[in-house]
C-alpha atoms as a PDB file:
ATOM      1  CA  UNK A   1     -24.608   4.810  -6.115  1.00  0.00           C
ATOM      2  CA  UNK A   2     -23.950   4.524  -2.678  1.00  0.00           C
ATOM      3  CA  UNK A   3     -20.837   5.766  -0.708  1.00  0.00           C
ATOM      4  CA  UNK A   4     -18.731   2.865   1.071  1.00  0.00           C
ATOM      5  CA  UNK A   5     -17.748   4.171   4.098  1.00  0.00           C
ATOM      6  CA  UNK A   6     -14.077   2.599   5.059  1.00  0.00           C
ATOM      7  CA  UNK A   7     -11.808   3.871   8.209  1.00  0.00           C
ATOM      8  CA  UNK A   8      -8.241   3.208   8.079  1.00  0.00           C
ATOM      9  CA  UNK A   9      -5.659   1.489  10.737  1.00  0.00           C
ATOM     10  CA  UNK A  10      -2.765   2.934   9.254  1.00  0.00           C
ATOM     11  CA  UNK A  11      -1.920   6.142   6.514  1.00  0.00           C
ATOM     12  CA  UNK A  12       1.111   5.957   4.887  1.00  0.00           C
ATOM     13  CA  UNK A  13       2.822   8.323   2.091  1.00  0.00           C
ATOM     14  CA  UNK A  14       5.176   7.521  -0.633  1.00  0.00           C
ATOM     15  CA  UNK A  15       7.015  10.242  -3.062  1.00  0.00           C
ATOM     16  CA  UNK A  16       7.838   9.316  -6.666  1.00  0.00           C
ATOM     17  CA  UNK A  17       8.763  11.412  -9.726  1.00  0.00           C
ATOM     18  CA  UNK A  18       5.189  12.164 -10.130  1.00  0.00           C
ATOM     19  CA  UNK A  19       4.328  13.677  -7.178  1.00  0.00           C
ATOM     20  CA  UNK A  20       2.837  12.143  -3.951  1.00  0.00           C
ATOM     21  CA  UNK A  21       0.979   8.914  -2.691  1.00  0.00           C
ATOM     22  CA  UNK A  22      -1.448   8.115   0.265  1.00  0.00           C
ATOM     23  CA  UNK A  23      -1.694   5.155   1.203  1.00  0.00           C
ATOM     24  CA  UNK A  24      -4.472   3.737   3.780  1.00  0.00           C
ATOM     25  CA  UNK A  25      -4.155  -0.198   5.979  1.00  0.00           C
ATOM     26  CA  UNK A  26      -7.924  -0.966   6.671  1.00  0.00           C
ATOM     27  CA  UNK A  27      -8.385  -3.552   9.817  1.00  0.00           C
ATOM     28  CA  UNK A  28      -8.613  -6.061   7.798  1.00  0.00           C
ATOM     29  CA  UNK A  29      -5.015  -5.706   6.062  1.00  0.00           C
ATOM     30  CA  UNK A  30      -6.784  -4.347   2.786  1.00  0.00           C
ATOM     31  CA  UNK A  31      -4.973  -1.640   1.529  1.00  0.00           C
ATOM     32  CA  UNK A  32      -6.283   1.774  -0.655  1.00  0.00           C
ATOM     33  CA  UNK A  33      -4.294   3.952  -2.779  1.00  0.00           C
ATOM     34  CA  UNK A  34      -5.794   7.439  -2.747  1.00  0.00           C
ATOM     35  CA  UNK A  35      -7.087   8.902  -5.942  1.00  0.00           C
ATOM     36  CA  UNK A  36      -6.767  12.375  -6.106  1.00  0.00           C
ATOM     37  CA  UNK A  37      -7.729  13.356  -9.606  1.00  0.00           C
ATOM     38  CA  UNK A  38     -11.090  11.022  -8.819  1.00  0.00           C
ATOM     39  CA  UNK A  39     -10.780  11.489  -5.563  1.00  0.00           C
ATOM     40  CA  UNK A  40     -11.502   8.397  -4.206  1.00  0.00           C
ATOM     41  CA  UNK A  41      -9.790   5.523  -2.285  1.00  0.00           C
ATOM     42  CA  UNK A  42      -8.796   2.811  -4.611  1.00  0.00           C
ATOM     43  CA  UNK A  43      -8.529  -1.072  -3.255  1.00  0.00           C
ATOM     44  CA  UNK A  44      -4.949  -2.252  -4.457  1.00  0.00           C
ATOM     45  CA  UNK A  45      -4.774  -6.630  -4.949  1.00  0.00           C
ATOM     46  CA  UNK A  46      -2.358  -8.456  -3.207  1.00  0.00           C
ATOM     47  CA  UNK A  47      -0.862 -11.406  -3.288  1.00  0.00           C
ATOM     48  CA  UNK A  48       2.291 -13.111  -1.951  1.00  0.00           C
ATOM     49  CA  UNK A  49       5.428 -14.125  -3.835  1.00  0.00           C
ATOM     50  CA  UNK A  50       5.295 -17.949  -3.991  1.00  0.00           C
ATOM     51  CA  UNK A  51       7.695 -20.463  -2.202  1.00  0.00           C
ATOM     52  CA  UNK A  52      11.407 -19.762  -3.919  1.00  0.00           C
ATOM     53  CA  UNK A  53      10.294 -15.639  -4.088  1.00  0.00           C
ATOM     54  CA  UNK A  54      14.169 -15.159  -3.052  1.00  0.00           C
ATOM     55  CA  UNK A  55      14.483 -15.408  -6.924  1.00  0.00           C
ATOM     56  CA  UNK A  56      11.645 -13.103  -7.456  1.00  0.00           C
ATOM     57  CA  UNK A  57      12.910  -9.166  -8.218  1.00  0.00           C
ATOM     58  CA  UNK A  58      10.983  -7.368  -4.989  1.00  0.00           C
ATOM     59  CA  UNK A  59      12.095  -3.928  -4.061  1.00  0.00           C
ATOM     60  CA  UNK A  60      12.666  -3.642  -0.460  1.00  0.00           C
ATOM     61  CA  UNK A  61      11.062  -2.162   2.583  1.00  0.00           C
ATOM     62  CA  UNK A  62      13.894  -0.538   5.088  1.00  0.00           C
ATOM     63  CA  UNK A  63      12.035  -0.987   8.787  1.00  0.00           C
ATOM     64  CA  UNK A  64      11.995   0.849  11.349  1.00  0.00           C
ATOM     65  CA  UNK A  65      15.539   1.412  12.819  1.00  0.00           C
ATOM     66  CA  UNK A  66      17.192   0.774   9.206  1.00  0.00           C
ATOM     67  CA  UNK A  67      16.197  -2.955   9.614  1.00  0.00           C
ATOM     68  CA  UNK A  68      15.288  -4.909   5.972  1.00  0.00           C
ATOM     69  CA  UNK A  69      12.121  -6.663   5.831  1.00  0.00           C
ATOM     70  CA  UNK A  70      12.449  -9.811   4.020  1.00  0.00           C
END
């Protein structure tokens, strides 16, 4: 099995009840999460909200300067 090499444009950390999580974003927009037990980066499937997404149950994000991201 060949090892695929990826490079990230940005790496972010998050704190969860289960501990720290690492996320990586590639230049092409693919998001990966680091799996500590397997020591590999796993791609996360991402999808857009439907047009009536304002009714969806979404966790709010804070942008730079404390502004809410919509």
